[in-house]
Amino acid sequence: MKETILAPITGTTLIDLGYQPGKWFATALRYANENGLSGEALEAYIATVAPEAVEEVLPFAEPVAYHKNIRAETELDAENVASVFQTMDILMKTPTLVAGAVMPDACPTGAPGQIPVGGVAVARNAIHPAMHSADVCCSVMMTNFGDAEPEAILNAAHAITHFGPGGRKDLFDLPEELVERMRKNHFLNNEKGLNFAATHLGTQGDGNHFLYVGRSEATGDTVMVTHHGSRGLGAHVYRQGMHLAERFRRELSPKTPGKNAWIPFDTEEGAAYWEALQIVRDWTKLNHTVIHEATKKGANAGAKDRFWNEHNFVFKSGDLFYHAKGATPLDDKFVPDSKDGLRLIPLNMAEPILVVRGETTASNLGFAPHGAGRNVSRTAHIKAKAGKTVREVFDEETAGLDVRFFTGSIDISELPSAYKDAAAVQRQMEEFGLGEVVDRILPYGCIMAGNTGCGRRRKKKRQA
């Protein structure tokens, strides 16, 4: 009598029984095949090891209501504002969201449904990596250098800062305490994370990041403001967060667009990701601080005051997570190291940086704008300047200022006309109750990366 040979149990067998594929398949299939299970015996065993079915979470049919702290003042504004509302209407169908707002500097970024710059999205028990973006904890810090000369501060800063891609060879010291915290977090305890933390410390990146020097309108003191995020370290955490969020999306809410995937906070992974964001925040504050301290030493200056705030982060209050993509937190509950409730809002290199203080209202959700924003893309702005040389545009828009590009190549997509009208943003801040201006840092000069794709990284005091 011939021995009956059973066909191996495969993933298809389990799918045919109505189960969703998952990591548990491998263990279950190995046990079933080793023990020759089939029929009712197989079904009984699988029922004991299969995870409980998760009910699919569907996007809302209609968007959650959000506050529109913005209005169009020009035809160009109207097109931009319409696009902002279009993308927010899609975004606010994300099933974790309970509230939202847009600021006067809002502008779309990415595909429709992706959180715009100047957007705030409030989620319950969920962290959405794409809603804080790769530039985690993009932020501003100021130091008051008292009666130091602005030129001396700008020169000292230019000698020690670093713009453009990559890291530094002349490394700053990374505190051992911070390294230990990284080693205890699986998002950061890896070669890439530790290398980024060490080599990118003291760097400012490119794009709209800057080092600005001016004078306080209230006191006449010389003030330096830096603007940058967490560089490669934050981007590294973000990439891992997006991968993890996608895994949860496929399991929990496959009909939610990938860019709006989330990590449930009440999971082991969610708690670890939240802690990773806090470590990145502390690293970014340190990144600003080492540049300010090195500038102070290089200029042989004193420092009377210093404070900072992020505008690209996730803020927690109870089980609510406030995702601010280019929005400045006004409420002290969002800024644990707040200095007298003061916040910084830069506009453009030719305009003052605003020092503001404000309160939470029903419509601002505890936030203010982060700057002037854009009405058109960088590419569209550059095309609009085609009738003039780069030098002509630069000279017209930076007259009277000491404006430097670290690479030696002017980036006209960062000149003042690339941004929204600063006066309009300030009018709407007042109109919508988005903070009170208590001082202004009047411009002397600034340093930006410039065009970083030209292969020239030589420092220059000013364009030739």
Protein backbone atom coordinates (compact mmCIF):
# COMPACT_ATOMS: atom_id res chain seq x y z
CA MET A 1 0.00 0.00 0.00
CA LYS A 2 1.43 3.32 -1.12
CA GLU A 3 2.02 6.10 1.44
CA THR A 4 -0.14 9.20 0.83
CA ILE A 5 2.04 12.28 0.34
CA LEU A 6 0.30 15.49 1.35
CA ALA A 7 0.89 18.61 -0.69
CA PRO A 8 2.69 21.29 1.38
CA ILE A 9 0.59 23.97 2.99
CA THR A 10 1.41 27.37 1.42
CA GLY A 11 0.48 30.98 1.94
CA THR A 12 -2.14 30.55 -0.77
CA THR A 13 -3.83 27.91 1.40
CA LEU A 14 -4.16 30.39 4.26
CA ILE A 15 -5.36 33.16 1.96
CA ASP A 16 -8.01 30.78 0.61
CA LEU A 17 -9.11 30.25 4.21
CA GLY A 18 -9.71 34.01 4.43
CA TYR A 19 -6.56 35.22 6.22
CA GLN A 20 -4.56 38.34 5.36
CA PRO A 21 -0.84 37.77 4.68
CA GLY A 22 1.47 38.72 7.53
CA LYS A 23 4.73 37.84 9.25
CA TRP A 24 2.92 35.17 11.27
CA PHE A 25 2.39 33.11 8.07
CA ALA A 26 5.98 31.81 8.14
CA THR A 27 5.74 30.29 11.64
CA ALA A 28 2.25 28.91 11.06
CA LEU A 29 3.19 27.27 7.74
CA ARG A 30 6.31 25.71 9.19
CA TYR A 31 4.35 24.15 12.11
CA ALA A 32 1.47 22.99 9.86
CA ASN A 33 3.81 21.27 7.41
CA GLU A 34 6.03 19.71 10.09
CA ASN A 35 2.93 18.21 11.76
CA GLY A 36 1.12 17.23 8.57
CA LEU A 37 -1.99 19.26 9.38
CA SER A 38 -4.87 19.45 6.94
CA GLY A 39 -8.62 19.89 6.86
CA GLU A 40 -10.32 20.64 10.18
CA ALA A 41 -7.09 20.13 12.12
CA LEU A 42 -5.35 22.81 10.03
CA GLU A 43 -8.26 25.24 10.40
CA ALA A 44 -8.42 24.71 14.16
CA TYR A 45 -4.68 25.32 14.54
CA ILE A 46 -4.64 28.43 12.34
CA ALA A 47 -7.54 29.91 14.30
CA THR A 48 -5.39 29.76 17.46
CA VAL A 49 -2.33 31.54 16.00
CA ALA A 50 -3.82 34.05 13.56
CA PRO A 51 -3.88 37.64 14.83
CA GLU A 52 -7.28 39.12 15.45
CA ALA A 53 -8.69 40.71 12.34
CA VAL A 54 -8.26 44.49 12.36
CA GLU A 55 -11.23 46.45 11.17
CA GLU A 56 -10.21 48.65 8.26
CA VAL A 57 -10.20 52.38 9.05
CA LEU A 58 -11.66 54.33 6.15
CA PRO A 59 -10.89 57.93 5.23
CA PHE A 60 -13.69 60.34 6.09
CA ALA A 61 -16.23 60.98 3.35
CA GLU A 62 -16.03 64.71 4.08
CA PRO A 63 -13.06 66.70 5.37
CA VAL A 64 -12.84 67.62 9.03
CA ALA A 65 -13.44 71.38 9.38
CA TYR A 66 -10.27 73.48 9.58
CA HIS A 67 -9.55 77.14 10.27
CA LYS A 68 -8.56 79.38 7.35
CA ASN A 69 -6.29 82.07 8.76
CA ILE A 70 -5.48 83.34 5.29
CA ARG A 71 -7.12 85.34 2.53
CA ALA A 72 -6.10 86.32 -0.98
CA GLU A 73 -5.12 89.95 -1.53
CA THR A 74 -3.93 89.67 -5.13
CA GLU A 75 -4.66 87.53 -8.18
CA LEU A 76 -1.48 85.53 -7.53
CA ASP A 77 -2.57 85.05 -3.91
CA ALA A 78 -5.95 83.77 -5.09
CA GLU A 79 -4.43 80.94 -7.12
CA ASN A 80 -2.15 79.94 -4.26
CA VAL A 81 -4.88 80.09 -1.61
CA ALA A 82 -7.23 78.00 -3.76
CA SER A 83 -4.51 75.35 -4.08
CA VAL A 84 -3.92 75.40 -0.32
CA PHE A 85 -7.61 74.84 0.38
CA GLN A 86 -7.78 72.09 -2.25
CA THR A 87 -4.94 70.14 -0.65
CA MET A 88 -6.28 70.73 2.88
CA ASP A 89 -9.73 69.47 1.84
CA ILE A 90 -8.14 66.15 0.86
CA LEU A 91 -5.74 66.03 3.80
CA MET A 92 -8.52 66.58 6.33
CA LYS A 93 -10.23 63.35 5.25
CA THR A 94 -7.41 61.42 6.95
CA PRO A 95 -9.23 59.33 9.58
CA THR A 96 -6.96 60.23 12.52
CA LEU A 97 -7.48 64.00 12.21
CA VAL A 98 -9.72 66.03 14.51
CA ALA A 99 -8.77 69.64 13.67
CA GLY A 100 -6.60 71.74 11.38
CA ALA A 101 -5.57 75.24 10.40
CA VAL A 102 -3.69 77.14 7.73
CA MET A 103 -1.55 80.24 8.26
CA PRO A 104 -1.12 83.37 6.07
CA ASP A 105 2.18 82.06 4.69
CA ALA A 106 0.61 78.79 3.47
CA CYS A 107 1.58 77.31 0.12
CA PRO A 108 1.17 73.79 -1.32
CA THR A 109 4.02 71.33 -1.41
CA GLY A 110 3.82 67.99 -3.18
CA ALA A 111 0.72 66.28 -4.54
CA PRO A 112 -2.83 67.32 -3.58
CA GLY A 113 -3.67 65.97 -0.14
CA GLN A 114 -0.18 66.49 1.27
CA ILE A 115 0.02 68.94 4.16
CA PRO A 116 0.96 72.41 2.86
CA VAL A 117 3.66 74.65 4.25
CA GLY A 118 1.86 76.78 6.82
CA GLY A 119 -0.48 73.92 7.69
CA VAL A 120 -1.41 72.48 11.09
CA ALA A 121 -3.05 69.05 11.35
CA VAL A 122 -4.17 67.65 14.72
CA ALA A 123 -4.33 63.84 14.99
CA ARG A 124 -5.50 61.63 17.83
CA ASN A 125 -3.04 58.95 18.96
CA ALA A 126 -1.14 59.12 15.66
CA ILE A 127 2.16 60.49 14.35
CA HIS A 128 2.24 61.20 10.60
CA PRO A 129 5.88 61.39 9.45
CA ALA A 130 5.04 63.12 6.16
CA MET A 131 3.28 65.87 8.11
CA HIS A 132 6.55 66.88 9.77
CA SER A 133 8.55 66.05 6.61
CA ALA A 134 12.21 65.14 6.17
CA ASP A 135 13.38 68.52 7.48
CA VAL A 136 12.48 67.51 11.02
CA CYS A 137 12.57 70.34 13.57
CA CYS A 138 13.43 73.08 11.10
CA SER A 139 13.92 75.94 13.54
CA VAL A 140 15.36 79.36 14.35
CA MET A 141 17.67 80.53 17.14
CA MET A 142 18.74 84.05 18.09
CA THR A 143 21.63 85.33 20.17
CA ASN A 144 21.85 88.96 21.31
CA PHE A 145 25.50 90.04 21.03
CA GLY A 146 24.89 93.43 22.63
CA ASP A 147 27.05 96.26 21.27
CA ALA A 148 29.13 94.07 18.93
CA GLU A 149 29.40 95.37 15.37
CA PRO A 150 27.14 93.49 12.92
CA GLU A 151 29.96 93.10 10.39
CA ALA A 152 32.22 91.50 12.99
CA ILE A 153 29.50 88.99 13.91
CA LEU A 154 28.75 88.19 10.26
CA ASN A 155 32.45 87.71 9.46
CA ALA A 156 33.00 85.48 12.49
CA ALA A 157 29.93 83.41 11.63
CA HIS A 158 31.02 83.08 7.99
CA ALA A 159 34.37 81.70 9.14
CA ILE A 160 32.86 78.86 11.16
CA THR A 161 29.49 77.90 9.65
CA HIS A 162 28.92 75.37 6.88
CA PHE A 163 26.27 75.40 4.16
CA GLY A 164 25.63 72.92 1.37
CA PRO A 165 25.50 69.13 1.21
CA GLY A 166 27.50 66.76 3.39
CA GLY A 167 29.12 67.20 6.76
CA ARG A 168 32.21 68.75 8.29
CA LYS A 169 35.77 67.50 8.62
CA ASP A 170 36.46 69.83 11.57
CA LEU A 171 33.93 68.20 13.87
CA PHE A 172 32.29 69.69 16.92
CA ASP A 173 32.07 67.55 20.05
CA LEU A 174 28.92 65.47 20.35
CA PRO A 175 27.90 65.13 24.03
CA GLU A 176 28.21 61.57 25.32
CA GLU A 177 24.81 61.86 27.00
CA LEU A 178 23.18 62.47 23.61
CA VAL A 179 25.07 59.55 22.07
CA GLU A 180 23.83 57.28 24.86
CA ARG A 181 20.23 58.34 24.23
CA MET A 182 20.70 57.56 20.55
CA ARG A 183 22.09 54.12 21.34
CA LYS A 184 18.95 53.29 23.33
CA ASN A 185 16.63 54.13 20.41
CA HIS A 186 16.43 51.68 17.50
CA PHE A 187 15.70 54.45 14.98
CA LEU A 188 19.02 56.12 15.85
CA ASN A 189 21.26 53.31 17.10
CA ASN A 190 22.85 52.54 13.75
CA GLU A 191 25.90 53.57 11.79
CA LYS A 192 24.06 56.11 9.62
CA GLY A 193 22.35 57.84 12.51
CA LEU A 194 25.49 58.12 14.64
CA ASN A 195 27.56 59.30 11.67
CA PHE A 196 25.04 61.99 10.71
CA ALA A 197 24.88 63.19 14.32
CA ALA A 198 28.66 63.63 14.43
CA THR A 199 29.49 64.97 10.97
CA HIS A 200 26.45 67.22 10.38
CA LEU A 201 26.78 69.04 13.71
CA GLY A 202 27.57 72.67 12.91
CA THR A 203 26.08 72.57 9.40
CA GLN A 204 23.09 74.46 7.99
CA GLY A 205 22.17 72.74 4.71
CA ASP A 206 20.77 74.62 1.74
CA GLY A 207 17.45 75.91 0.36
CA ASN A 208 15.91 78.63 2.52
CA HIS A 209 18.20 78.06 5.51
CA PHE A 210 20.21 81.11 6.53
CA LEU A 211 22.40 82.93 9.01
CA TYR A 212 21.07 86.48 9.51
CA VAL A 213 22.59 89.42 11.38
CA GLY A 214 20.74 92.61 12.27
CA ARG A 215 19.93 95.06 15.03
CA SER A 216 17.06 95.00 17.51
CA GLU A 217 14.68 97.85 16.76
CA ALA A 218 13.89 98.14 20.47
CA THR A 219 17.44 98.22 21.86
CA GLY A 220 19.88 98.66 18.96
CA ASP A 221 21.69 95.49 20.04
CA THR A 222 23.29 93.28 17.40
CA VAL A 223 21.43 90.00 16.97
CA MET A 224 22.23 86.83 14.99
CA VAL A 225 19.53 84.39 13.89
CA THR A 226 20.19 80.94 12.38
CA HIS A 227 17.63 78.90 10.46
CA HIS A 228 18.04 75.20 9.73
CA GLY A 229 16.73 71.78 10.69
CA SER A 230 18.16 68.46 11.77
CA ARG A 231 20.04 67.80 8.54
CA GLY A 232 20.86 64.19 7.64
CA LEU A 233 19.98 62.92 11.11
CA GLY A 234 16.35 64.04 10.88
CA ALA A 235 16.01 62.85 7.30
CA HIS A 236 17.31 59.44 8.37
CA VAL A 237 14.66 59.14 11.10
CA TYR A 238 11.98 60.41 8.70
CA ARG A 239 12.75 57.75 6.09
CA GLN A 240 12.44 55.00 8.70
CA GLY A 241 9.24 56.58 10.01
CA MET A 242 7.66 56.63 6.55
CA HIS A 243 8.55 52.97 6.04
CA LEU A 244 7.01 52.05 9.38
CA ALA A 245 3.91 54.20 8.77
CA GLU A 246 3.38 52.49 5.42
CA ARG A 247 3.41 49.13 7.15
CA PHE A 248 0.71 50.30 9.54
CA ARG A 249 -1.23 51.89 6.66
CA ARG A 250 -1.43 48.62 4.74
CA GLU A 251 -2.74 46.90 7.86
CA LEU A 252 -5.02 49.61 9.28
CA SER A 253 -6.17 51.89 6.49
CA PRO A 254 -5.09 50.86 2.98
CA LYS A 255 -7.41 53.41 1.36
CA THR A 256 -5.59 56.30 3.08
CA PRO A 257 -3.03 57.89 0.68
CA GLY A 258 0.52 56.78 1.39
CA LYS A 259 1.73 60.30 2.21
CA ASN A 260 -0.79 60.48 5.06
CA ALA A 261 0.13 57.15 6.64
CA TRP A 262 0.60 57.17 10.39
CA ILE A 263 2.26 55.39 13.30
CA PRO A 264 -0.12 54.70 16.22
CA PHE A 265 1.43 56.27 19.31
CA ASP A 266 0.05 53.58 21.63
CA THR A 267 2.34 50.95 20.11
CA GLU A 268 5.91 50.09 21.02
CA GLU A 269 7.01 51.48 17.65
CA GLY A 270 5.04 54.69 18.15
CA ALA A 271 6.59 55.39 21.53
CA ALA A 272 10.08 54.74 20.13
CA TYR A 273 9.45 57.04 17.16
CA TRP A 274 8.21 59.81 19.44
CA GLU A 275 11.37 59.47 21.55
CA ALA A 276 13.49 59.58 18.37
CA LEU A 277 11.84 62.88 17.45
CA GLN A 278 12.69 64.32 20.89
CA ILE A 279 16.32 63.29 20.48
CA VAL A 280 16.39 64.89 17.03
CA ARG A 281 14.93 68.06 18.57
CA ASP A 282 17.71 68.17 21.18
CA TRP A 283 20.35 67.54 18.52
CA THR A 284 18.98 70.36 16.38
CA LYS A 285 19.03 72.80 19.27
CA LEU A 286 22.64 71.78 19.88
CA ASN A 287 23.37 72.29 16.19
CA HIS A 288 22.23 75.92 16.43
CA THR A 289 24.03 76.40 19.72
CA VAL A 290 27.48 75.28 18.55
CA ILE A 291 27.29 77.74 15.62
CA HIS A 292 26.28 80.58 17.95
CA GLU A 293 28.95 79.73 20.51
CA ALA A 294 31.68 79.44 17.89
CA THR A 295 30.61 82.79 16.40
CA LYS A 296 30.72 84.39 19.84
CA LYS A 297 34.24 83.06 20.38
CA GLY A 298 35.41 84.07 16.90
CA ALA A 299 34.11 87.63 17.32
CA ASN A 300 35.32 87.85 20.93
CA ALA A 301 31.81 89.02 21.82
CA GLY A 302 29.51 88.65 24.78
CA ALA A 303 26.00 87.20 24.68
CA LYS A 304 23.13 88.91 26.52
CA ASP A 305 20.26 86.64 25.57
CA ARG A 306 19.36 83.57 23.50
CA PHE A 307 16.20 81.67 22.62
CA TRP A 308 14.88 79.44 19.87
CA ASN A 309 11.77 77.77 18.49
CA GLU A 310 11.02 75.10 15.94
CA HIS A 311 8.39 75.48 13.20
CA ASN A 312 8.47 72.06 11.54
CA PHE A 313 7.66 69.46 14.13
CA VAL A 314 5.04 67.41 15.98
CA PHE A 315 3.80 68.69 19.32
CA LYS A 316 1.92 66.58 21.88
CA SER A 317 -0.91 67.58 24.20
CA GLY A 318 -2.61 64.63 25.89
CA ASP A 319 -3.47 62.13 23.17
CA LEU A 320 -3.46 64.83 20.45
CA PHE A 321 -0.49 65.33 18.12
CA TYR A 322 -0.20 68.74 16.46
CA HIS A 323 1.67 68.40 13.17
CA ALA A 324 3.02 71.83 12.23
CA LYS A 325 4.48 71.93 8.73
CA GLY A 326 6.04 75.38 8.67
CA ALA A 327 3.98 76.84 11.53
CA THR A 328 5.37 78.46 14.67
CA PRO A 329 4.04 77.29 18.07
CA LEU A 330 2.73 80.19 20.16
CA ASP A 331 1.53 78.16 23.13
CA ASP A 332 4.20 77.50 25.77
CA LYS A 333 2.85 73.97 26.29
CA PHE A 334 4.40 73.12 22.91
CA VAL A 335 7.82 74.64 23.73
CA PRO A 336 9.25 73.14 26.94
CA ASP A 337 12.31 75.43 26.83
CA SER A 338 10.33 78.60 26.05
CA LYS A 339 12.02 81.92 26.86
CA ASP A 340 9.39 84.40 28.11
CA GLY A 341 6.95 83.15 25.47
CA LEU A 342 9.00 84.76 22.69
CA ARG A 343 9.11 83.33 19.16
CA LEU A 344 10.95 84.25 15.96
CA ILE A 345 9.26 84.66 12.56
CA PRO A 346 11.61 85.48 9.65
CA LEU A 347 10.19 86.98 6.43
CA ASN A 348 12.99 87.42 3.87
CA MET A 349 16.60 88.61 3.85
CA ALA A 350 15.62 92.26 3.24
CA GLU A 351 12.90 92.36 5.89
CA PRO A 352 13.04 92.39 9.71
CA ILE A 353 12.76 89.16 11.65
CA LEU A 354 9.73 89.47 13.91
CA VAL A 355 9.91 88.71 17.62
CA VAL A 356 6.38 87.76 18.65
CA ARG A 357 4.37 86.55 21.60
CA GLY A 358 0.84 85.17 21.43
CA GLU A 359 -1.96 83.12 22.91
CA THR A 360 -3.96 80.12 21.75
CA THR A 361 -7.33 80.87 20.20
CA ALA A 362 -10.04 78.66 18.73
CA SER A 363 -8.87 79.48 15.21
CA ASN A 364 -5.07 79.52 15.54
CA LEU A 365 -4.87 76.26 17.58
CA GLY A 366 -1.81 77.73 19.33
CA PHE A 367 0.22 78.52 16.18
CA ALA A 368 1.43 81.41 14.01
CA PRO A 369 3.09 81.62 10.57
CA HIS A 370 6.71 80.57 10.21
CA GLY A 371 7.67 83.18 7.62
CA ALA A 372 6.53 84.77 4.38
CA GLY A 373 5.90 81.62 2.31
CA ARG A 374 5.77 81.52 -1.50
CA ASN A 375 3.09 82.08 -4.10
CA VAL A 376 4.99 80.35 -6.92
CA SER A 377 7.60 77.61 -7.14
CA ARG A 378 11.33 78.31 -7.26
CA THR A 379 11.43 77.34 -10.94
CA ALA A 380 8.53 79.63 -11.84
CA HIS A 381 10.14 82.51 -9.98
CA ILE A 382 13.46 82.05 -11.78
CA LYS A 383 11.69 81.98 -15.15
CA ALA A 384 9.90 85.22 -14.26
CA LYS A 385 13.30 86.92 -13.92
CA ALA A 386 14.51 85.82 -17.36
CA GLY A 387 14.70 89.40 -18.70
CA LYS A 388 17.50 90.35 -16.27
CA THR A 389 20.86 88.91 -15.38
CA VAL A 390 21.26 87.15 -12.05
CA ARG A 391 23.59 89.93 -10.94
CA GLU A 392 21.07 92.63 -11.84
CA VAL A 393 18.35 90.93 -9.83
CA PHE A 394 20.71 90.45 -6.89
CA ASP A 395 21.88 94.09 -6.88
CA GLU A 396 18.32 95.43 -7.05
CA GLU A 397 16.96 93.26 -4.26
CA THR A 398 19.87 93.37 -1.79
CA ALA A 399 20.89 97.04 -2.09
CA GLY A 400 22.36 98.27 1.19
CA LEU A 401 22.70 94.76 2.64
CA ASP A 402 25.71 92.48 3.12
CA VAL A 403 24.28 89.35 1.49
CA ARG A 404 26.60 86.39 0.93
CA PHE A 405 26.19 82.99 -0.71
CA PHE A 406 28.39 80.30 0.77
CA THR A 407 29.00 78.53 -2.55
CA GLY A 408 29.83 81.79 -4.32
CA SER A 409 26.87 81.29 -6.68
CA ILE A 410 23.77 83.49 -6.32
CA ASP A 411 20.46 81.68 -5.81
CA ILE A 412 17.78 84.11 -7.01
CA SER A 413 15.05 81.73 -5.82
CA GLU A 414 15.97 82.89 -2.29
CA LEU A 415 15.96 86.64 -2.96
CA PRO A 416 13.16 88.76 -1.45
CA SER A 417 10.84 88.78 -4.50
CA ALA A 418 10.65 84.96 -4.37
CA TYR A 419 8.50 85.25 -1.25
CA LYS A 420 5.04 86.53 -0.45
CA ASP A 421 4.61 90.19 0.40
CA ALA A 422 5.90 90.52 3.96
CA ALA A 423 3.54 93.39 4.79
CA ALA A 424 0.52 91.29 3.74
CA VAL A 425 1.61 88.41 5.98
CA GLN A 426 1.93 90.79 8.93
CA ARG A 427 -1.46 92.37 8.25
CA GLN A 428 -3.09 88.96 8.26
CA MET A 429 -1.23 87.93 11.43
CA GLU A 430 -2.94 90.85 13.15
CA GLU A 431 -6.28 90.23 11.45
CA PHE A 432 -6.44 86.57 12.47
CA GLY A 433 -4.88 86.92 15.93
CA LEU A 434 -1.63 85.11 15.18
CA GLY A 435 0.73 86.75 17.65
CA GLU A 436 1.75 90.24 18.71
CA VAL A 437 5.01 91.72 17.41
CA VAL A 438 7.11 92.88 20.40
CA ASP A 439 10.36 93.64 18.57
CA ARG A 440 11.87 93.52 15.09
CA ILE A 441 15.42 92.55 14.15
CA LEU A 442 16.32 94.97 11.35
CA PRO A 443 18.51 93.46 8.58
CA TYR A 444 22.23 94.09 8.21
CA GLY A 445 23.18 91.04 6.16
CA CYS A 446 22.96 87.28 5.85
CA ILE A 447 24.60 84.13 4.56
CA MET A 448 22.76 81.46 2.55
CA ALA A 449 23.95 78.36 0.75
CA GLY A 450 23.51 79.61 -2.81
CA ASN A 451 23.40 77.16 -5.72
CA THR A 452 24.85 73.96 -4.35
CA GLY A 453 24.84 72.00 -7.61
CA CYS A 454 27.54 74.08 -9.27
CA GLY A 455 30.47 72.26 -7.65
CA ARG A 456 31.83 75.42 -6.04
CA ARG A 457 31.93 75.36 -2.27
CA ARG A 458 34.54 78.08 -1.78
CA LYS A 459 33.58 80.61 0.88
CA LYS A 460 33.36 84.20 -0.30
CA LYS A 461 32.65 87.33 1.66
CA ARG A 462 30.46 88.68 -1.13
CA GLN A 463 29.65 87.93 -4.75
CA ALA A 464 32.22 88.99 -7.28
